[in-house]
Amino acid sequence: KAQLKAWSQQEVCPLENPNVQNAEESDEMSDETCPRRTVFYRAVQACDLDWDNSNLKAIIGRGEKEKVNKNLTWKEDVPMAAARVDALRAHGYPQEALQLAVAVARGLKEEQL
């Protein structure tokens, strides 16, 4: 994580969205409202993924007590949720990945209502 942060602070590191650089150069936004997000921003965030949430465990069927309600939702930034789904699938948990993907879709649908 420290190495990713160090690389992302290098001036030559590409930005996640080059259009943001134009906004940073203008005086309209401060550093707090428009941070310099490099291509490593999501990777740094992924280093802090936590799998100990009881709702998350219930969704993927790994909780100590199974919840009866199968209409659980998971609300998280889509890229982070997608990283969780991909991690489950890549490590041999396709059923759990599907359950989490469905819960994420339910959460997105709930936010739209």
N, C-alpha and C. Protein backbone atom coordinates (compact mmCIF):
# COMPACT_ATOMS: atom_id res chain seq x y z
N LYS A 1 0.83 -1.18 0.00
CA LYS A 1 0.00 0.00 0.00
C LYS A 1 0.88 1.25 0.00
N ALA A 2 1.93 1.23 0.78
CA ALA A 2 2.82 2.38 0.85
C ALA A 2 3.47 2.65 -0.50
N GLN A 3 3.84 1.59 -1.20
CA GLN A 3 4.46 1.75 -2.51
C GLN A 3 3.46 2.33 -3.51
N LEU A 4 2.21 1.87 -3.47
CA LEU A 4 1.18 2.43 -4.36
C LEU A 4 0.98 3.91 -4.10
N LYS A 5 0.95 4.28 -2.82
CA LYS A 5 0.79 5.70 -2.48
C LYS A 5 1.98 6.51 -2.97
N ALA A 6 3.18 5.97 -2.82
CA ALA A 6 4.38 6.68 -3.27
C ALA A 6 4.35 6.87 -4.78
N TRP A 7 3.96 5.83 -5.52
CA TRP A 7 3.89 5.96 -6.98
C TRP A 7 2.84 6.97 -7.39
N SER A 8 1.69 6.96 -6.69
CA SER A 8 0.62 7.86 -7.09
C SER A 8 0.97 9.32 -6.82
N GLN A 9 1.94 9.58 -5.94
CA GLN A 9 2.34 10.96 -5.67
C GLN A 9 3.39 11.47 -6.66
N GLN A 10 3.90 10.58 -7.50
CA GLN A 10 4.86 11.01 -8.51
C GLN A 10 4.14 11.85 -9.57
N GLU A 11 4.78 12.90 -10.00
CA GLU A 11 4.17 13.81 -10.98
C GLU A 11 3.91 13.11 -12.32
N VAL A 12 4.71 12.10 -12.65
CA VAL A 12 4.56 11.40 -13.93
C VAL A 12 3.47 10.33 -13.91
N CYS A 13 2.90 10.06 -12.75
CA CYS A 13 1.86 9.04 -12.63
C CYS A 13 0.59 9.54 -13.35
N PRO A 14 0.04 8.73 -14.26
CA PRO A 14 -1.14 9.18 -15.01
C PRO A 14 -2.36 9.34 -14.10
N LEU A 15 -3.18 10.32 -14.44
CA LEU A 15 -4.39 10.56 -13.67
C LEU A 15 -5.48 9.58 -14.07
N GLU A 16 -6.36 9.28 -13.12
CA GLU A 16 -7.49 8.41 -13.38
C GLU A 16 -8.41 9.04 -14.42
N ASN A 17 -8.61 10.35 -14.30
CA ASN A 17 -9.44 11.09 -15.23
C ASN A 17 -8.68 12.36 -15.60
N PRO A 18 -8.07 12.39 -16.79
CA PRO A 18 -7.27 13.57 -17.17
C PRO A 18 -8.07 14.87 -17.20
N ASN A 19 -9.38 14.79 -17.35
CA ASN A 19 -10.19 16.01 -17.36
C ASN A 19 -10.16 16.72 -16.02
N VAL A 20 -9.89 15.99 -14.95
CA VAL A 20 -9.83 16.58 -13.62
C VAL A 20 -8.64 17.52 -13.52
N GLN A 21 -7.57 17.22 -14.25
CA GLN A 21 -6.39 18.06 -14.21
C GLN A 21 -6.74 19.48 -14.66
N ASN A 22 -7.59 19.60 -15.67
CA ASN A 22 -8.00 20.92 -16.12
C ASN A 22 -8.76 21.66 -15.03
N ALA A 23 -9.57 20.94 -14.28
CA ALA A 23 -10.34 21.55 -13.19
C ALA A 23 -9.40 21.97 -12.06
N GLU A 24 -8.34 21.18 -11.83
CA GLU A 24 -7.40 21.51 -10.77
C GLU A 24 -6.63 22.79 -11.10
N GLU A 25 -6.35 23.00 -12.38
CA GLU A 25 -5.59 24.17 -12.78
C GLU A 25 -6.39 25.45 -12.65
N SER A 26 -7.71 25.34 -12.69
CA SER A 26 -8.54 26.53 -12.52
C SER A 26 -8.66 26.84 -11.03
N ASP A 27 -9.02 28.06 -10.72
CA ASP A 27 -9.14 28.49 -9.33
C ASP A 27 -10.49 28.15 -8.73
N GLU A 28 -11.36 27.47 -9.47
CA GLU A 28 -12.72 27.19 -9.01
C GLU A 28 -12.77 26.16 -7.89
N MET A 29 -11.84 25.21 -7.88
CA MET A 29 -11.91 24.13 -6.91
C MET A 29 -10.63 24.09 -6.08
N SER A 30 -10.79 23.77 -4.82
CA SER A 30 -9.62 23.62 -3.94
C SER A 30 -9.16 22.16 -3.98
N ASP A 31 -8.04 21.89 -3.34
CA ASP A 31 -7.51 20.52 -3.30
C ASP A 31 -8.44 19.57 -2.57
N GLU A 32 -9.19 20.06 -1.58
CA GLU A 32 -10.09 19.19 -0.82
C GLU A 32 -11.27 18.72 -1.66
N THR A 33 -11.78 19.60 -2.54
CA THR A 33 -12.95 19.23 -3.33
C THR A 33 -12.57 18.48 -4.59
N CYS A 34 -11.34 18.60 -5.04
CA CYS A 34 -10.92 17.95 -6.28
C CYS A 34 -9.53 17.34 -6.09
N PRO A 35 -9.44 16.20 -5.42
CA PRO A 35 -8.13 15.60 -5.17
C PRO A 35 -7.53 15.04 -6.46
N ARG A 36 -6.22 14.96 -6.49
CA ARG A 36 -5.52 14.39 -7.65
C ARG A 36 -5.63 12.87 -7.54
N ARG A 37 -6.48 12.29 -8.38
CA ARG A 37 -6.70 10.84 -8.35
C ARG A 37 -5.96 10.20 -9.51
N THR A 38 -4.99 9.36 -9.16
CA THR A 38 -4.20 8.69 -10.19
C THR A 38 -4.80 7.31 -10.49
N VAL A 39 -4.17 6.63 -11.42
CA VAL A 39 -4.64 5.29 -11.80
C VAL A 39 -4.50 4.29 -10.65
N PHE A 40 -3.74 4.65 -9.61
CA PHE A 40 -3.57 3.77 -8.45
C PHE A 40 -4.58 4.04 -7.34
N TYR A 41 -5.46 5.01 -7.51
CA TYR A 41 -6.39 5.41 -6.45
C TYR A 41 -7.24 4.23 -5.99
N ARG A 42 -7.85 3.51 -6.92
CA ARG A 42 -8.71 2.37 -6.56
C ARG A 42 -7.91 1.24 -5.93
N ALA A 43 -6.69 1.03 -6.39
CA ALA A 43 -5.85 -0.02 -5.81
C ALA A 43 -5.53 0.29 -4.35
N VAL A 44 -5.27 1.55 -4.05
CA VAL A 44 -5.00 1.95 -2.66
C VAL A 44 -6.25 1.72 -1.82
N GLN A 45 -7.42 2.07 -2.37
CA GLN A 45 -8.67 1.83 -1.66
C GLN A 45 -8.89 0.34 -1.43
N ALA A 46 -8.58 -0.48 -2.42
CA ALA A 46 -8.80 -1.92 -2.31
C ALA A 46 -7.93 -2.55 -1.21
N CYS A 47 -6.83 -1.93 -0.90
CA CYS A 47 -5.98 -2.43 0.19
C CYS A 47 -6.70 -2.40 1.53
N ASP A 48 -7.70 -1.54 1.62
CA ASP A 48 -8.43 -1.39 2.88
C ASP A 48 -9.77 -2.13 2.89
N LEU A 49 -10.00 -3.01 1.93
CA LEU A 49 -11.26 -3.76 1.92
C LEU A 49 -11.39 -4.59 3.19
N ASP A 50 -12.54 -4.53 3.78
CA ASP A 50 -12.81 -5.25 5.02
C ASP A 50 -13.91 -6.27 4.77
N TRP A 51 -13.69 -7.50 5.12
CA TRP A 51 -14.65 -8.57 4.88
C TRP A 51 -15.36 -8.98 6.17
N ASP A 52 -15.19 -8.22 7.24
CA ASP A 52 -15.75 -8.60 8.53
C ASP A 52 -17.15 -8.07 8.81
N ASN A 53 -17.77 -7.39 7.86
CA ASN A 53 -19.11 -6.85 8.04
C ASN A 53 -20.11 -7.99 8.15
N SER A 54 -20.97 -7.96 9.18
CA SER A 54 -21.91 -9.06 9.39
C SER A 54 -22.93 -9.17 8.26
N ASN A 55 -23.35 -8.04 7.69
CA ASN A 55 -24.29 -8.07 6.57
C ASN A 55 -23.63 -8.70 5.35
N LEU A 56 -22.37 -8.35 5.10
CA LEU A 56 -21.63 -8.93 3.98
C LEU A 56 -21.48 -10.44 4.16
N LYS A 57 -21.16 -10.85 5.37
CA LYS A 57 -21.02 -12.29 5.65
C LYS A 57 -22.34 -13.02 5.44
N ALA A 58 -23.45 -12.37 5.82
CA ALA A 58 -24.76 -13.00 5.63
C ALA A 58 -25.08 -13.12 4.14
N ILE A 59 -24.70 -12.13 3.36
CA ILE A 59 -24.97 -12.16 1.92
C ILE A 59 -24.24 -13.32 1.26
N ILE A 60 -22.98 -13.49 1.60
CA ILE A 60 -22.20 -14.55 0.95
C ILE A 60 -22.29 -15.89 1.69
N GLY A 61 -23.12 -15.94 2.74
CA GLY A 61 -23.36 -17.20 3.43
C GLY A 61 -22.23 -17.66 4.32
N ARG A 62 -21.45 -16.71 4.84
CA ARG A 62 -20.33 -17.07 5.70
C ARG A 62 -20.50 -16.56 7.13
N GLY A 63 -21.66 -16.04 7.42
CA GLY A 63 -21.91 -15.49 8.75
C GLY A 63 -22.10 -16.59 9.79
N GLU A 64 -21.94 -16.22 11.04
CA GLU A 64 -22.13 -17.18 12.13
C GLU A 64 -23.58 -17.61 12.22
N LYS A 65 -24.48 -16.66 11.96
CA LYS A 65 -25.90 -17.02 11.95
C LYS A 65 -26.49 -16.57 10.62
N GLU A 66 -27.10 -17.50 9.95
CA GLU A 66 -27.70 -17.22 8.65
C GLU A 66 -28.95 -16.36 8.81
N LYS A 67 -29.06 -15.34 8.00
CA LYS A 67 -30.25 -14.50 8.04
C LYS A 67 -31.33 -15.15 7.17
N VAL A 68 -32.56 -15.08 7.63
CA VAL A 68 -33.67 -15.68 6.90
C VAL A 68 -34.01 -14.86 5.67
N ASN A 69 -33.86 -13.53 5.76
CA ASN A 69 -34.21 -12.64 4.67
C ASN A 69 -33.19 -12.78 3.55
N LYS A 70 -33.60 -13.29 2.41
CA LYS A 70 -32.69 -13.46 1.29
C LYS A 70 -32.66 -12.24 0.37
N ASN A 71 -33.38 -11.18 0.73
CA ASN A 71 -33.40 -9.97 -0.08
C ASN A 71 -32.46 -8.92 0.50
N LEU A 72 -31.27 -9.32 0.90
CA LEU A 72 -30.30 -8.41 1.47
C LEU A 72 -29.69 -7.54 0.37
N THR A 73 -29.30 -6.32 0.75
CA THR A 73 -28.66 -5.41 -0.20
C THR A 73 -27.26 -5.07 0.30
N TRP A 74 -26.40 -4.69 -0.64
CA TRP A 74 -25.05 -4.24 -0.31
C TRP A 74 -24.82 -2.94 -1.03
N LYS A 75 -24.56 -1.88 -0.25
CA LYS A 75 -24.36 -0.55 -0.82
C LYS A 75 -22.90 -0.15 -0.62
N GLU A 76 -22.23 0.06 -1.74
CA GLU A 76 -20.82 0.41 -1.75
C GLU A 76 -20.53 1.01 -3.12
N ASP A 77 -19.45 1.75 -3.26
CA ASP A 77 -19.09 2.26 -4.58
C ASP A 77 -19.02 1.07 -5.54
N VAL A 78 -19.54 1.27 -6.73
CA VAL A 78 -19.61 0.17 -7.71
C VAL A 78 -18.23 -0.44 -7.99
N PRO A 79 -17.17 0.35 -8.19
CA PRO A 79 -15.87 -0.28 -8.44
C PRO A 79 -15.39 -1.16 -7.28
N MET A 80 -15.65 -0.74 -6.05
CA MET A 80 -15.24 -1.54 -4.90
C MET A 80 -16.09 -2.80 -4.78
N ALA A 81 -17.38 -2.67 -5.02
CA ALA A 81 -18.25 -3.84 -4.99
C ALA A 81 -17.86 -4.83 -6.09
N ALA A 82 -17.54 -4.29 -7.25
CA ALA A 82 -17.10 -5.15 -8.37
C ALA A 82 -15.79 -5.85 -8.02
N ALA A 83 -14.90 -5.16 -7.32
CA ALA A 83 -13.64 -5.79 -6.90
C ALA A 83 -13.90 -6.93 -5.92
N ARG A 84 -14.87 -6.75 -5.04
CA ARG A 84 -15.23 -7.83 -4.11
C ARG A 84 -15.78 -9.04 -4.87
N VAL A 85 -16.69 -8.78 -5.80
CA VAL A 85 -17.29 -9.86 -6.60
C VAL A 85 -16.20 -10.59 -7.38
N ASP A 86 -15.31 -9.82 -8.00
CA ASP A 86 -14.23 -10.42 -8.78
C ASP A 86 -13.28 -11.23 -7.90
N ALA A 87 -12.99 -10.72 -6.70
CA ALA A 87 -12.11 -11.45 -5.78
C ALA A 87 -12.73 -12.79 -5.38
N LEU A 88 -14.02 -12.77 -5.08
CA LEU A 88 -14.70 -14.02 -4.72
C LEU A 88 -14.66 -15.01 -5.88
N ARG A 89 -14.98 -14.54 -7.07
CA ARG A 89 -15.01 -15.41 -8.24
C ARG A 89 -13.62 -15.96 -8.54
N ALA A 90 -12.61 -15.08 -8.49
CA ALA A 90 -11.24 -15.49 -8.82
C ALA A 90 -10.66 -16.48 -7.82
N HIS A 91 -11.17 -16.46 -6.59
CA HIS A 91 -10.63 -17.36 -5.57
C HIS A 91 -11.50 -18.59 -5.35
N GLY A 92 -12.36 -18.89 -6.32
CA GLY A 92 -13.10 -20.14 -6.28
C GLY A 92 -14.42 -20.10 -5.55
N TYR A 93 -15.04 -18.95 -5.45
CA TYR A 93 -16.33 -18.82 -4.79
C TYR A 93 -17.37 -18.23 -5.75
N PRO A 94 -17.69 -18.94 -6.83
CA PRO A 94 -18.61 -18.38 -7.83
C PRO A 94 -20.03 -18.15 -7.30
N GLN A 95 -20.52 -19.03 -6.45
CA GLN A 95 -21.87 -18.88 -5.90
C GLN A 95 -21.94 -17.64 -4.99
N GLU A 96 -20.93 -17.47 -4.16
CA GLU A 96 -20.88 -16.31 -3.28
C GLU A 96 -20.73 -15.02 -4.08
N ALA A 97 -19.95 -15.08 -5.15
CA ALA A 97 -19.79 -13.91 -6.03
C ALA A 97 -21.12 -13.52 -6.64
N LEU A 98 -21.88 -14.51 -7.08
CA LEU A 98 -23.20 -14.24 -7.66
C LEU A 98 -24.15 -13.65 -6.61
N GLN A 99 -24.12 -14.20 -5.41
CA GLN A 99 -24.99 -13.68 -4.34
C GLN A 99 -24.65 -12.22 -4.03
N LEU A 100 -23.37 -11.90 -3.98
CA LEU A 100 -22.97 -10.52 -3.70
C LEU A 100 -23.35 -9.61 -4.86
N ALA A 101 -23.16 -10.07 -6.10
CA ALA A 101 -23.53 -9.26 -7.26
C ALA A 101 -25.03 -8.94 -7.26
N VAL A 102 -25.84 -9.90 -6.90
CA VAL A 102 -27.30 -9.68 -6.82
C VAL A 102 -27.62 -8.69 -5.71
N ALA A 103 -26.94 -8.81 -4.58
CA ALA A 103 -27.17 -7.88 -3.46
C ALA A 103 -26.75 -6.46 -3.85
N VAL A 104 -25.66 -6.33 -4.61
CA VAL A 104 -25.22 -5.02 -5.09
C VAL A 104 -26.26 -4.43 -6.04
N ALA A 105 -26.78 -5.27 -6.94
CA ALA A 105 -27.82 -4.80 -7.88
C ALA A 105 -29.06 -4.35 -7.11
N ARG A 106 -29.44 -5.09 -6.08
CA ARG A 106 -30.59 -4.69 -5.25
C ARG A 106 -30.31 -3.34 -4.58
N GLY A 107 -29.10 -3.16 -4.09
CA GLY A 107 -28.74 -1.90 -3.46
C GLY A 107 -28.80 -0.73 -4.42
N LEU A 108 -28.33 -0.94 -5.64
CA LEU A 108 -28.39 0.11 -6.66
C LEU A 108 -29.84 0.44 -7.01
N LYS A 109 -30.65 -0.59 -7.14
CA LYS A 109 -32.05 -0.38 -7.46
C LYS A 109 -32.76 0.37 -6.33
N GLU A 110 -32.43 0.02 -5.09
CA GLU A 110 -33.02 0.69 -3.92
C GLU A 110 -32.64 2.17 -3.88
N GLU A 111 -31.40 2.49 -4.26
CA GLU A 111 -30.96 3.88 -4.27
C GLU A 111 -31.70 4.70 -5.33
N GLN A 112 -32.11 4.06 -6.41
CA GLN A 112 -32.82 4.76 -7.48
C GLN A 112 -34.25 5.10 -7.10
N LEU A 113 -34.82 4.34 -6.17
CA LEU A 113 -36.22 4.57 -5.79
C LEU A 113 -36.39 5.78 -4.92
